[in-house]
Structure formats: C-alpha cells, structure tokens
C-alpha cells in the first residue's frame, strides 16, 4: 500500500502549497529569524519514489539526507532546523543541528510535529506549515535570542519543494 501512495502521489505538493502559500511561509521564516540566531528551512516532498518506498526507506532517513543536502547544518551557531513534510506518508520530521538540539527537549520538537500533523488531518497543511514555523521560531527565540547585532540570514527562507 505504501508503495502505491508513493507511486501516485506526485503533483500534491503544488496543490497543497501554491505560490501564495510559499510566499507566506517564506515571510514567516524571515520575520521569525529576525528574533533569534537560528535558521529554519521548510521542505515538502510528495513521495520518496516507488523504489525507495518499496525498500522501506523512512521519512526520518530522508529528512536527515535533505538536512545534509540543503546544508542546514552549515550555520555559524550550528542552529539550523529542518521542518520536513513527506505527503505520501503523512510524515513530519524535524531535524535540528547540534547547537540547538542540545538545548531543546525532543518533546518540544514532537509538539511542533503534532501541531502540523493536526492541521494536515483537518485538510489545512498550509496553516499547519505556518503554525509549525511560528512554533519553531518561538523555540529558537527562547534558546538562541538575537543579540544586539542583526542576525545574519545564512540559509534561504523560501520553502523547498522536493
């Protein structure tokens, strides 16, 4: 069944995340990053592809790969956070770099995942994405508040469609 979801799930990303939604997410990331020294990347993927799904590749494995590919780890304070959504599996993963992961309890990241998951269940993935970005911004502002100098934007704020 999973392989079929991954075989026929293409095209759903743009339907759930049209350009106006991507603009809103980008704005939320940029506005939040002004309050802290972290970097947020939001990535959405429709499917893993039938071969990867058939082999049992997990959303967590893919999120870690995307974290590396997008160089979310490559920030001055090691404070990059990836919010990854795999539509075919309805899976949400957060991967945080070591500079912030050591400070934030895993339950807080799970709370953000649950927030996004609940919005998706209600048919509002766009609203969930914005709520998740706001929640991650609040976590980063709490643990890595911006200093007196303006924060440097190290990673693109535009959501990534994979």
C-alpha atoms as a PDB file:
ATOM      1  CA  UNK A   1       0.000   0.000   0.000  1.00  0.00           C
ATOM      2  CA  UNK A   2       2.817   2.410   0.884  1.00  0.00           C
ATOM      3  CA  UNK A   3       4.492   1.857  -2.495  1.00  0.00           C
ATOM      4  CA  UNK A   4       1.217   2.745  -4.246  1.00  0.00           C
ATOM      5  CA  UNK A   5       0.897   6.004  -2.301  1.00  0.00           C
ATOM      6  CA  UNK A   6       4.415   6.884  -3.383  1.00  0.00           C
ATOM      7  CA  UNK A   7       3.750   5.855  -6.982  1.00  0.00           C
ATOM      8  CA  UNK A   8       0.669   8.043  -7.391  1.00  0.00           C
ATOM      9  CA  UNK A   9       1.359  10.974  -5.053  1.00  0.00           C
ATOM     10  CA  UNK A  10       3.083  13.310  -7.494  1.00  0.00           C
ATOM     11  CA  UNK A  11       1.562  16.741  -8.007  1.00  0.00           C
ATOM     12  CA  UNK A  12       0.172  17.044  -4.492  1.00  0.00           C
ATOM     13  CA  UNK A  13       2.882  19.418  -3.339  1.00  0.00           C
ATOM     14  CA  UNK A  14       1.834  22.257  -5.637  1.00  0.00           C
ATOM     15  CA  UNK A  15      -1.846  21.672  -4.890  1.00  0.00           C
ATOM     16  CA  UNK A  16      -1.295  21.990  -1.125  1.00  0.00           C
ATOM     17  CA  UNK A  17       1.473  24.593  -1.368  1.00  0.00           C
ATOM     18  CA  UNK A  18       0.705  27.064  -4.179  1.00  0.00           C
ATOM     19  CA  UNK A  19       2.934  30.129  -4.688  1.00  0.00           C
ATOM     20  CA  UNK A  20       0.921  32.341  -2.304  1.00  0.00           C
ATOM     21  CA  UNK A  21       1.353  29.785   0.480  1.00  0.00           C
ATOM     22  CA  UNK A  22       5.074  29.507  -0.220  1.00  0.00           C
ATOM     23  CA  UNK A  23       5.287  33.315  -0.023  1.00  0.00           C
ATOM     24  CA  UNK A  24       3.518  33.308   3.359  1.00  0.00           C
ATOM     25  CA  UNK A  25       5.822  30.601   4.739  1.00  0.00           C
ATOM     26  CA  UNK A  26       8.879  32.462   3.456  1.00  0.00           C
ATOM     27  CA  UNK A  27       7.691  35.670   5.129  1.00  0.00           C
ATOM     28  CA  UNK A  28       7.041  33.839   8.432  1.00  0.00           C
ATOM     29  CA  UNK A  29      10.527  32.317   8.385  1.00  0.00           C
ATOM     30  CA  UNK A  30      12.185  35.660   7.625  1.00  0.00           C
ATOM     31  CA  UNK A  31      10.194  37.550  10.257  1.00  0.00           C
ATOM     32  CA  UNK A  32      10.927  34.932  12.913  1.00  0.00           C
ATOM     33  CA  UNK A  33      14.625  34.707  12.140  1.00  0.00           C
ATOM     34  CA  UNK A  34      14.960  38.395  12.999  1.00  0.00           C
ATOM     35  CA  UNK A  35      14.200  37.361  16.621  1.00  0.00           C
ATOM     36  CA  UNK A  36      16.859  34.653  17.019  1.00  0.00           C
ATOM     37  CA  UNK A  37      20.182  33.259  15.804  1.00  0.00           C
ATOM     38  CA  UNK A  38      18.697  30.120  14.276  1.00  0.00           C
ATOM     39  CA  UNK A  39      17.952  29.234  10.678  1.00  0.00           C
ATOM     40  CA  UNK A  40      14.766  27.469   9.562  1.00  0.00           C
ATOM     41  CA  UNK A  41      14.315  25.501   6.369  1.00  0.00           C
ATOM     42  CA  UNK A  42      10.865  24.166   5.448  1.00  0.00           C
ATOM     43  CA  UNK A  43      10.901  21.324   2.903  1.00  0.00           C
ATOM     44  CA  UNK A  44       7.985  19.421   1.377  1.00  0.00           C
ATOM     45  CA  UNK A  45       8.196  16.260  -0.663  1.00  0.00           C
ATOM     46  CA  UNK A  46       5.287  14.460  -2.333  1.00  0.00           C
ATOM     47  CA  UNK A  47       6.836  10.990  -2.499  1.00  0.00           C
ATOM     48  CA  UNK A  48      10.065   9.113  -1.988  1.00  0.00           C
ATOM     49  CA  UNK A  49       9.611   7.289  -5.247  1.00  0.00           C
ATOM     50  CA  UNK A  50       8.308   3.777  -5.557  1.00  0.00           C
ATOM     51  CA  UNK A  51      11.707   2.052  -5.251  1.00  0.00           C
ATOM     52  CA  UNK A  52      12.647   3.824  -2.012  1.00  0.00           C
ATOM     53  CA  UNK A  53       9.184   3.228  -0.570  1.00  0.00           C
ATOM     54  CA  UNK A  54       9.331  -0.445  -1.524  1.00  0.00           C
ATOM     55  CA  UNK A  55      12.732  -0.806   0.168  1.00  0.00           C
ATOM     56  CA  UNK A  56      11.233   0.657   3.346  1.00  0.00           C
ATOM     57  CA  UNK A  57      13.103   3.935   3.437  1.00  0.00           C
ATOM     58  CA  UNK A  58      11.807   6.009   6.326  1.00  0.00           C
ATOM     59  CA  UNK A  59      10.797   9.638   6.355  1.00  0.00           C
ATOM     60  CA  UNK A  60      13.368  10.189   9.120  1.00  0.00           C
ATOM     61  CA  UNK A  61      16.167   8.838   6.926  1.00  0.00           C
ATOM     62  CA  UNK A  62      15.075  11.060   4.077  1.00  0.00           C
ATOM     63  CA  UNK A  63      14.799  14.108   6.367  1.00  0.00           C
ATOM     64  CA  UNK A  64      18.385  13.595   7.522  1.00  0.00           C
ATOM     65  CA  UNK A  65      19.504  13.333   3.914  1.00  0.00           C
ATOM     66  CA  UNK A  66      17.656  16.544   2.993  1.00  0.00           C
ATOM     67  CA  UNK A  67      19.159  18.237   6.073  1.00  0.00           C
ATOM     68  CA  UNK A  68      22.612  17.433   4.694  1.00  0.00           C
ATOM     69  CA  UNK A  69      21.825  18.213   1.039  1.00  0.00           C
ATOM     70  CA  UNK A  70      20.384  21.632   1.875  1.00  0.00           C
ATOM     71  CA  UNK A  71      23.310  22.316   4.228  1.00  0.00           C
ATOM     72  CA  UNK A  72      21.028  23.148   7.126  1.00  0.00           C
ATOM     73  CA  UNK A  73      23.914  22.143   9.395  1.00  0.00           C
ATOM     74  CA  UNK A  74      26.178  24.808   7.903  1.00  0.00           C
ATOM     75  CA  UNK A  75      25.374  27.822  10.106  1.00  0.00           C
ATOM     76  CA  UNK A  76      27.520  29.942  12.403  1.00  0.00           C
ATOM     77  CA  UNK A  77      25.819  28.808  15.608  1.00  0.00           C
ATOM     78  CA  UNK A  78      25.051  25.233  14.436  1.00  0.00           C
ATOM     79  CA  UNK A  79      21.430  26.195  14.897  1.00  0.00           C
ATOM     80  CA  UNK A  80      19.727  25.141  11.681  1.00  0.00           C
ATOM     81  CA  UNK A  81      16.346  23.437  11.911  1.00  0.00           C
ATOM     82  CA  UNK A  82      14.698  21.499   9.099  1.00  0.00           C
ATOM     83  CA  UNK A  83      10.939  21.025   9.103  1.00  0.00           C
ATOM     84  CA  UNK A  84      10.327  18.168   6.644  1.00  0.00           C
ATOM     85  CA  UNK A  85       6.921  17.061   5.401  1.00  0.00           C
ATOM     86  CA  UNK A  86       6.517  13.865   3.345  1.00  0.00           C
ATOM     87  CA  UNK A  87       2.987  13.990   1.961  1.00  0.00           C
ATOM     88  CA  UNK A  88       2.681  10.375   0.772  1.00  0.00           C
ATOM     89  CA  UNK A  89       3.358   9.051   4.283  1.00  0.00           C
ATOM     90  CA  UNK A  90       1.771  11.987   6.099  1.00  0.00           C
ATOM     91  CA  UNK A  91       5.094  12.099   7.926  1.00  0.00           C
ATOM     92  CA  UNK A  92       6.592  15.125   9.618  1.00  0.00           C
ATOM     93  CA  UNK A  93      10.168  15.230  10.821  1.00  0.00           C
ATOM     94  CA  UNK A  94      12.211  17.930  12.471  1.00  0.00           C
ATOM     95  CA  UNK A  95      15.975  17.692  12.281  1.00  0.00           C
ATOM     96  CA  UNK A  96      17.887  20.180  14.436  1.00  0.00           C
ATOM     97  CA  UNK A  97      21.589  20.874  14.296  1.00  0.00           C
ATOM     98  CA  UNK A  98      23.732  20.160  17.361  1.00  0.00           C
ATOM     99  CA  UNK A  99      23.857  23.770  18.575  1.00  0.00           C
ATOM    100  CA  UNK A 100      20.118  23.842  19.196  1.00  0.00           C
ATOM    101  CA  UNK A 101      19.376  20.117  19.600  1.00  0.00           C
ATOM    102  CA  UNK A 102      21.463  20.035  22.779  1.00  0.00           C
ATOM    103  CA  UNK A 103      19.292  22.766  24.302  1.00  0.00           C
ATOM    104  CA  UNK A 104      15.802  21.717  23.241  1.00  0.00           C
ATOM    105  CA  UNK A 105      13.986  18.707  24.625  1.00  0.00           C
ATOM    106  CA  UNK A 106      12.750  16.272  21.993  1.00  0.00           C
ATOM    107  CA  UNK A 107       9.206  16.646  23.320  1.00  0.00           C
ATOM    108  CA  UNK A 108       9.175  20.252  22.122  1.00  0.00           C
ATOM    109  CA  UNK A 109      10.031  19.187  18.570  1.00  0.00           C
ATOM    110  CA  UNK A 110       7.373  16.471  18.778  1.00  0.00           C
ATOM    111  CA  UNK A 111       4.857  19.107  19.832  1.00  0.00           C
ATOM    112  CA  UNK A 112       5.626  21.073  16.693  1.00  0.00           C
ATOM    113  CA  UNK A 113       5.231  17.930  14.577  1.00  0.00           C
ATOM    114  CA  UNK A 114       1.891  17.202  16.238  1.00  0.00           C
ATOM    115  CA  UNK A 115       0.715  20.762  15.579  1.00  0.00           C
ATOM    116  CA  UNK A 116       1.470  20.419  11.862  1.00  0.00           C
ATOM    117  CA  UNK A 117       0.019  16.890  11.773  1.00  0.00           C
ATOM    118  CA  UNK A 118      -3.273  18.076  13.292  1.00  0.00           C
ATOM    119  CA  UNK A 119      -3.618  20.837  10.702  1.00  0.00           C
ATOM    120  CA  UNK A 120      -2.927  18.303   7.938  1.00  0.00           C
ATOM    121  CA  UNK A 121      -5.604  15.967   9.316  1.00  0.00           C
ATOM    122  CA  UNK A 122      -8.078  18.841   9.090  1.00  0.00           C
ATOM    123  CA  UNK A 123      -7.077  19.491   5.468  1.00  0.00           C
ATOM    124  CA  UNK A 124      -5.055  22.614   6.227  1.00  0.00           C
ATOM    125  CA  UNK A 125      -1.392  21.799   5.532  1.00  0.00           C
ATOM    126  CA  UNK A 126      -0.655  25.435   4.677  1.00  0.00           C
ATOM    127  CA  UNK A 127      -1.985  26.650   8.010  1.00  0.00           C
ATOM    128  CA  UNK A 128      -0.073  23.877   9.706  1.00  0.00           C
ATOM    129  CA  UNK A 129       3.141  24.902   7.988  1.00  0.00           C
ATOM    130  CA  UNK A 130       2.721  28.469   9.220  1.00  0.00           C
ATOM    131  CA  UNK A 131       1.891  27.294  12.743  1.00  0.00           C
ATOM    132  CA  UNK A 132       4.930  24.985  12.755  1.00  0.00           C
ATOM    133  CA  UNK A 133       7.235  27.765  11.553  1.00  0.00           C
ATOM    134  CA  UNK A 134       5.865  30.082  14.245  1.00  0.00           C
ATOM    135  CA  UNK A 135       6.386  27.397  16.900  1.00  0.00           C
ATOM    136  CA  UNK A 136       9.978  26.719  15.799  1.00  0.00           C
ATOM    137  CA  UNK A 137      10.641  30.470  15.726  1.00  0.00           C
ATOM    138  CA  UNK A 138       9.386  30.695  19.329  1.00  0.00           C
ATOM    139  CA  UNK A 139      11.645  27.822  20.409  1.00  0.00           C
ATOM    140  CA  UNK A 140      14.675  29.359  18.727  1.00  0.00           C
ATOM    141  CA  UNK A 141      13.916  32.811  20.172  1.00  0.00           C
ATOM    142  CA  UNK A 142      13.773  31.267  23.636  1.00  0.00           C
ATOM    143  CA  UNK A 143      17.043  29.349  23.418  1.00  0.00           C
ATOM    144  CA  UNK A 144      19.035  31.462  20.929  1.00  0.00           C
ATOM    145  CA  UNK A 145      17.690  35.012  21.105  1.00  0.00           C
ATOM    146  CA  UNK A 146      19.080  37.565  18.693  1.00  0.00           C
ATOM    147  CA  UNK A 147      21.855  39.682  20.107  1.00  0.00           C
ATOM    148  CA  UNK A 148      22.293  43.418  19.710  1.00  0.00           C
ATOM    149  CA  UNK A 149      23.545  42.993  16.151  1.00  0.00           C
ATOM    150  CA  UNK A 150      21.033  41.989  13.494  1.00  0.00           C
ATOM    151  CA  UNK A 151      21.012  38.277  12.742  1.00  0.00           C
ATOM    152  CA  UNK A 152      22.724  37.234   9.534  1.00  0.00           C
ATOM    153  CA  UNK A 153      20.460  35.275   7.171  1.00  0.00           C
ATOM    154  CA  UNK A 154      22.590  32.266   6.254  1.00  0.00           C
ATOM    155  CA  UNK A 155      20.082  29.967   4.519  1.00  0.00           C
ATOM    156  CA  UNK A 156      17.308  30.736   2.027  1.00  0.00           C
ATOM    157  CA  UNK A 157      13.925  31.396   3.629  1.00  0.00           C
ATOM    158  CA  UNK A 158      11.925  30.145   0.626  1.00  0.00           C
ATOM    159  CA  UNK A 159      10.338  26.722   1.271  1.00  0.00           C
ATOM    160  CA  UNK A 160      11.919  23.915  -0.716  1.00  0.00           C
ATOM    161  CA  UNK A 161       9.715  21.693  -2.869  1.00  0.00           C
ATOM    162  CA  UNK A 162      11.464  18.382  -3.466  1.00  0.00           C
END
